[in-house]
């Protein structure tokens, strides 16, 4: 049963994407939903929100039901002042799956931060995850120097202009997991995995994806041409074809 918050659900727009909020462990979580058929969960990156997935949700909505939340701390979802550990994001997503009553295990698709959360979900709650699609995900390598510089510059500029920071603060797990690296845990994940990467990513080098593929024999790596960190947006048609084929596999 979907628990709609006190805010009224927004009427579905012409593109067929429904938006609403649900309560998960006391937090209001904003969601986008589109399609019909078995559920697929889409998790956005650390500098975005659920709208990042519209280019995938709408074209593929005829045969799957896509759920794309604003993660806690992002977009129209609730945010606290202190920040979040990786485990906070993971448990919120797990709570969302249970609150929505989604049939599990289900496919989970994650970009960047969302990919790292998807990996953590598969590690902490393996019965929830049927397969993983990871897009330029965090956790396989440290954030590149150039990417770190871009993020720091944007944060500093907003602070100088006294603008509200649009993204939450990230915290380590009691000093552990620097950069949320997880290469030493990948052998525990046994589900099918599709990794999609930009050939030139300024944030997370493709070298990390190549190393992860060595550690996960069941993983398939697809490299899309171009510079950037979001191939699902810059190479949308190619990405959607790869994802659709992956979801159709037995």
Protein backbone atom coordinates (compact mmCIF):
# COMPACT_ATOMS: atom_id res chain seq x y z
CA UNK A 1 0.00 0.00 0.00
CA UNK A 2 1.39 3.41 -0.99
CA UNK A 3 1.24 5.91 1.84
CA UNK A 4 0.66 9.34 0.32
CA UNK A 5 1.75 12.20 2.56
CA UNK A 6 -0.42 15.08 3.67
CA UNK A 7 0.56 16.88 0.48
CA UNK A 8 -1.83 16.07 -2.32
CA UNK A 9 -0.51 13.84 -5.06
CA UNK A 10 0.26 15.84 -8.19
CA UNK A 11 -1.82 14.92 -11.21
CA UNK A 12 0.02 12.88 -13.85
CA UNK A 13 1.35 15.17 -16.62
CA UNK A 14 1.03 14.46 -20.31
CA UNK A 15 4.16 12.29 -20.38
CA UNK A 16 2.50 9.76 -18.07
CA UNK A 17 4.81 10.32 -15.10
CA UNK A 18 2.98 10.36 -11.79
CA UNK A 19 4.49 12.21 -8.83
CA UNK A 20 3.68 11.74 -5.15
CA UNK A 21 5.27 11.54 -1.71
CA UNK A 22 5.48 8.69 0.79
CA UNK A 23 6.57 8.52 4.42
CA UNK A 24 9.61 6.31 5.05
CA UNK A 25 10.95 6.15 8.62
CA UNK A 26 9.56 9.59 9.32
CA UNK A 27 10.97 11.21 6.16
CA UNK A 28 8.83 12.44 3.28
CA UNK A 29 10.23 10.95 0.08
CA UNK A 30 9.24 12.42 -3.28
CA UNK A 31 8.81 9.93 -6.14
CA UNK A 32 8.25 9.76 -9.84
CA UNK A 33 6.47 6.70 -11.24
CA UNK A 34 5.84 5.71 -14.83
CA UNK A 35 4.85 2.62 -16.78
CA UNK A 36 3.28 -0.77 -16.34
CA UNK A 37 4.68 -4.19 -15.61
CA UNK A 38 7.33 -5.43 -13.16
CA UNK A 39 8.98 -2.74 -11.00
CA UNK A 40 12.41 -1.20 -11.57
CA UNK A 41 14.02 1.17 -9.06
CA UNK A 42 16.09 4.12 -10.37
CA UNK A 43 18.53 5.92 -8.06
CA UNK A 44 19.98 9.29 -9.10
CA UNK A 45 23.47 10.67 -8.58
CA UNK A 46 24.87 13.04 -5.98
CA UNK A 47 24.27 16.24 -7.96
CA UNK A 48 20.78 15.58 -9.25
CA UNK A 49 17.31 14.29 -8.36
CA UNK A 50 14.71 11.90 -9.78
CA UNK A 51 14.14 14.07 -12.87
CA UNK A 52 17.51 12.76 -14.08
CA UNK A 53 15.71 9.55 -15.13
CA UNK A 54 12.84 10.97 -17.17
CA UNK A 55 14.63 10.19 -20.44
CA UNK A 56 14.63 6.52 -19.45
CA UNK A 57 11.32 6.20 -17.61
CA UNK A 58 9.11 7.52 -20.38
CA UNK A 59 10.55 5.68 -23.42
CA UNK A 60 10.65 2.33 -21.58
CA UNK A 61 7.36 2.68 -19.72
CA UNK A 62 5.33 0.32 -21.93
CA UNK A 63 6.73 -2.83 -20.35
CA UNK A 64 8.12 -1.91 -16.91
CA UNK A 65 7.01 0.24 -13.99
CA UNK A 66 9.79 2.64 -13.05
CA UNK A 67 10.08 4.21 -9.61
CA UNK A 68 12.53 7.10 -9.22
CA UNK A 69 12.76 8.74 -5.78
CA UNK A 70 14.46 11.92 -4.73
CA UNK A 71 16.91 10.40 -2.25
CA UNK A 72 16.71 11.71 1.32
CA UNK A 73 18.42 15.09 1.40
CA UNK A 74 17.81 15.75 -2.29
CA UNK A 75 15.18 17.49 -4.40
CA UNK A 76 11.73 17.62 -2.84
CA UNK A 77 12.47 14.94 -0.21
CA UNK A 78 13.18 15.80 3.42
CA UNK A 79 16.70 16.77 4.47
CA UNK A 80 18.33 17.03 7.88
CA UNK A 81 21.03 19.51 8.88
CA UNK A 82 23.72 17.06 9.88
CA UNK A 83 24.13 15.05 6.67
CA UNK A 84 23.99 11.38 5.80
CA UNK A 85 26.14 8.29 5.88
CA UNK A 86 25.97 5.76 3.09
CA UNK A 87 23.99 3.46 5.37
CA UNK A 88 21.35 6.17 5.85
CA UNK A 89 20.72 6.31 2.11
CA UNK A 90 20.69 2.52 1.83
CA UNK A 91 18.25 1.94 4.66
CA UNK A 92 15.98 4.71 3.37
CA UNK A 93 15.86 3.03 -0.05
CA UNK A 94 15.19 -0.35 1.55
CA UNK A 95 12.41 1.20 3.60
CA UNK A 96 10.97 2.75 0.46
CA UNK A 97 10.84 -0.65 -1.28
CA UNK A 98 8.97 -2.09 1.70
CA UNK A 99 6.64 0.89 2.07
CA UNK A 100 5.65 0.73 -1.59
CA UNK A 101 5.18 -3.02 -1.34
CA UNK A 102 7.27 -3.64 -4.45
CA UNK A 103 7.71 -7.23 -5.56
CA UNK A 104 11.24 -8.36 -4.75
CA UNK A 105 13.85 -9.14 -5.75
CA UNK A 106 13.76 -6.32 -8.29
CA UNK A 107 16.22 -4.64 -10.66
CA UNK A 108 17.99 -1.59 -9.25
CA UNK A 109 19.60 1.01 -11.51
CA UNK A 110 21.96 3.59 -10.03
CA UNK A 111 24.04 6.49 -11.31
CA UNK A 112 27.15 7.70 -9.43
CA UNK A 113 26.06 8.00 -5.76
CA UNK A 114 22.91 6.06 -6.67
CA UNK A 115 25.08 3.25 -8.02
CA UNK A 116 27.01 3.08 -4.76
CA UNK A 117 23.74 2.92 -2.83
CA UNK A 118 22.55 0.14 -5.16
CA UNK A 119 25.74 -1.81 -4.42
CA UNK A 120 25.28 -1.31 -0.69
CA UNK A 121 21.67 -2.44 -0.94
CA UNK A 122 22.82 -5.64 -2.67
CA UNK A 123 25.39 -6.17 0.11
CA UNK A 124 23.14 -5.37 3.07
CA UNK A 125 19.84 -6.67 1.73
CA UNK A 126 20.66 -9.18 -1.01
CA UNK A 127 17.12 -10.59 -1.10
CA UNK A 128 15.84 -7.24 -2.38
CA UNK A 129 18.01 -7.09 -5.52
CA UNK A 130 17.49 -9.18 -8.64
CA UNK A 131 20.09 -7.44 -10.82
CA UNK A 132 22.11 -4.22 -10.89
CA UNK A 133 22.70 -1.64 -13.60
CA UNK A 134 25.47 0.76 -12.54
CA UNK A 135 26.19 4.00 -14.41
CA UNK A 136 29.54 5.74 -13.81
CA UNK A 137 29.13 4.66 -10.23
CA UNK A 138 31.03 5.64 -7.11
CA UNK A 139 32.84 3.04 -5.04
CA UNK A 140 35.29 1.56 -7.53
CA UNK A 141 37.85 4.36 -7.42
CA UNK A 142 38.46 7.63 -5.62
CA UNK A 143 36.89 10.80 -6.91
CA UNK A 144 39.23 12.22 -9.54
CA UNK A 145 41.12 15.41 -8.71
CA UNK A 146 39.39 17.37 -11.47
CA UNK A 147 35.96 16.17 -10.37
CA UNK A 148 36.73 17.06 -6.77
CA UNK A 149 37.85 20.52 -7.88
CA UNK A 150 34.61 21.09 -9.82
CA UNK A 151 32.48 20.06 -6.86
CA UNK A 152 34.43 22.18 -4.40
CA UNK A 153 34.27 25.22 -6.69
CA UNK A 154 30.50 24.94 -7.07
CA UNK A 155 30.04 24.56 -3.31
CA UNK A 156 32.28 27.56 -2.58
CA UNK A 157 30.54 29.76 -5.14
CA UNK A 158 27.09 29.04 -3.71
CA UNK A 159 28.41 29.73 -0.22
CA UNK A 160 29.97 33.02 -1.34
CA UNK A 161 26.66 34.06 -2.92
CA UNK A 162 24.80 32.91 0.21
CA UNK A 163 22.71 30.49 -1.77
CA UNK A 164 21.26 27.39 -0.20
CA UNK A 165 23.32 24.30 -0.93
CA UNK A 166 21.07 22.00 -3.01
CA UNK A 167 22.70 18.77 -1.85
CA UNK A 168 23.23 17.25 1.61
CA UNK A 169 26.47 16.76 3.46
CA UNK A 170 28.05 13.31 3.16
CA UNK A 171 29.52 11.65 6.23
CA UNK A 172 31.81 8.66 6.62
CA UNK A 173 30.81 5.53 8.54
CA UNK A 174 32.69 6.18 11.80
CA UNK A 175 35.80 7.09 9.83
CA UNK A 176 35.63 3.93 7.71
CA UNK A 177 35.14 3.48 3.96
CA UNK A 178 37.06 6.53 2.67
CA UNK A 179 35.41 7.64 -0.56
CA UNK A 180 32.95 4.78 0.01
CA UNK A 181 35.26 2.36 -1.80
CA UNK A 182 33.95 -1.20 -1.93
CA UNK A 183 36.25 -3.23 -4.21
CA UNK A 184 37.02 -5.64 -1.38
CA UNK A 185 33.32 -6.46 -0.99
CA UNK A 186 32.35 -7.01 -4.61
CA UNK A 187 32.98 -10.77 -4.49
CA UNK A 188 29.89 -11.06 -2.25
CA UNK A 189 27.56 -9.81 -4.98
CA UNK A 190 26.30 -12.66 -7.17
CA UNK A 191 23.47 -11.07 -9.17
CA UNK A 192 23.83 -10.12 -12.88
CA UNK A 193 25.41 -6.70 -13.32
CA UNK A 194 25.52 -4.23 -16.20
CA UNK A 195 28.04 -1.40 -15.92
CA UNK A 196 27.71 1.53 -18.31
CA UNK A 197 30.51 4.12 -18.41
CA UNK A 198 31.50 7.22 -20.36
CA UNK A 199 34.80 6.74 -22.13
CA UNK A 200 36.07 9.96 -20.49
CA UNK A 201 34.54 10.56 -17.04
CA UNK A 202 36.02 13.54 -15.12
CA UNK A 203 34.74 12.21 -11.79
CA UNK A 204 35.26 8.43 -11.72
CA UNK A 205 37.87 6.94 -14.02
CA UNK A 206 36.98 4.01 -16.21
CA UNK A 207 39.96 2.24 -14.64
CA UNK A 208 37.78 1.60 -11.61
CA UNK A 209 35.12 -0.06 -13.76
CA UNK A 210 37.72 -2.28 -15.40
CA UNK A 211 38.99 -3.35 -11.98
CA UNK A 212 35.45 -4.02 -10.76
CA UNK A 213 34.75 -6.19 -13.79
CA UNK A 214 37.75 -8.35 -12.89
CA UNK A 215 36.32 -8.85 -9.41
CA UNK A 216 32.79 -9.62 -10.62
CA UNK A 217 32.91 -12.23 -13.40
CA UNK A 218 29.15 -11.93 -13.90
CA UNK A 219 29.45 -8.21 -14.70
CA UNK A 220 29.25 -6.81 -18.23
CA UNK A 221 30.88 -3.46 -19.02
CA UNK A 222 29.63 -1.21 -21.82
CA UNK A 223 31.63 1.93 -22.65
CA UNK A 224 29.78 4.76 -24.38
CA UNK A 225 31.72 7.42 -26.29
CA UNK A 226 32.14 10.97 -25.10
CA UNK A 227 33.20 13.15 -22.19
CA UNK A 228 31.02 13.39 -19.13
CA UNK A 229 29.62 11.72 -16.07
CA UNK A 230 26.05 10.89 -17.15
CA UNK A 231 25.92 8.69 -20.28
CA UNK A 232 22.28 7.86 -19.57
CA UNK A 233 21.56 11.50 -20.41
CA UNK A 234 24.13 12.28 -23.10
CA UNK A 235 23.73 8.95 -24.92
CA UNK A 236 20.14 8.28 -23.91
CA UNK A 237 19.04 6.08 -26.80
CA UNK A 238 22.11 3.87 -26.56
CA UNK A 239 21.75 3.61 -22.80
CA UNK A 240 18.05 2.78 -22.99
CA UNK A 241 18.72 -0.01 -25.49
CA UNK A 242 21.40 -1.49 -23.23
CA UNK A 243 19.17 -1.27 -20.16
CA UNK A 244 16.13 -2.74 -21.91
CA UNK A 245 18.17 -5.67 -23.18
CA UNK A 246 19.68 -6.24 -19.73
CA UNK A 247 16.30 -6.18 -18.00
CA UNK A 248 14.94 -8.69 -20.50
CA UNK A 249 17.64 -11.24 -19.81
CA UNK A 250 16.53 -14.31 -17.82
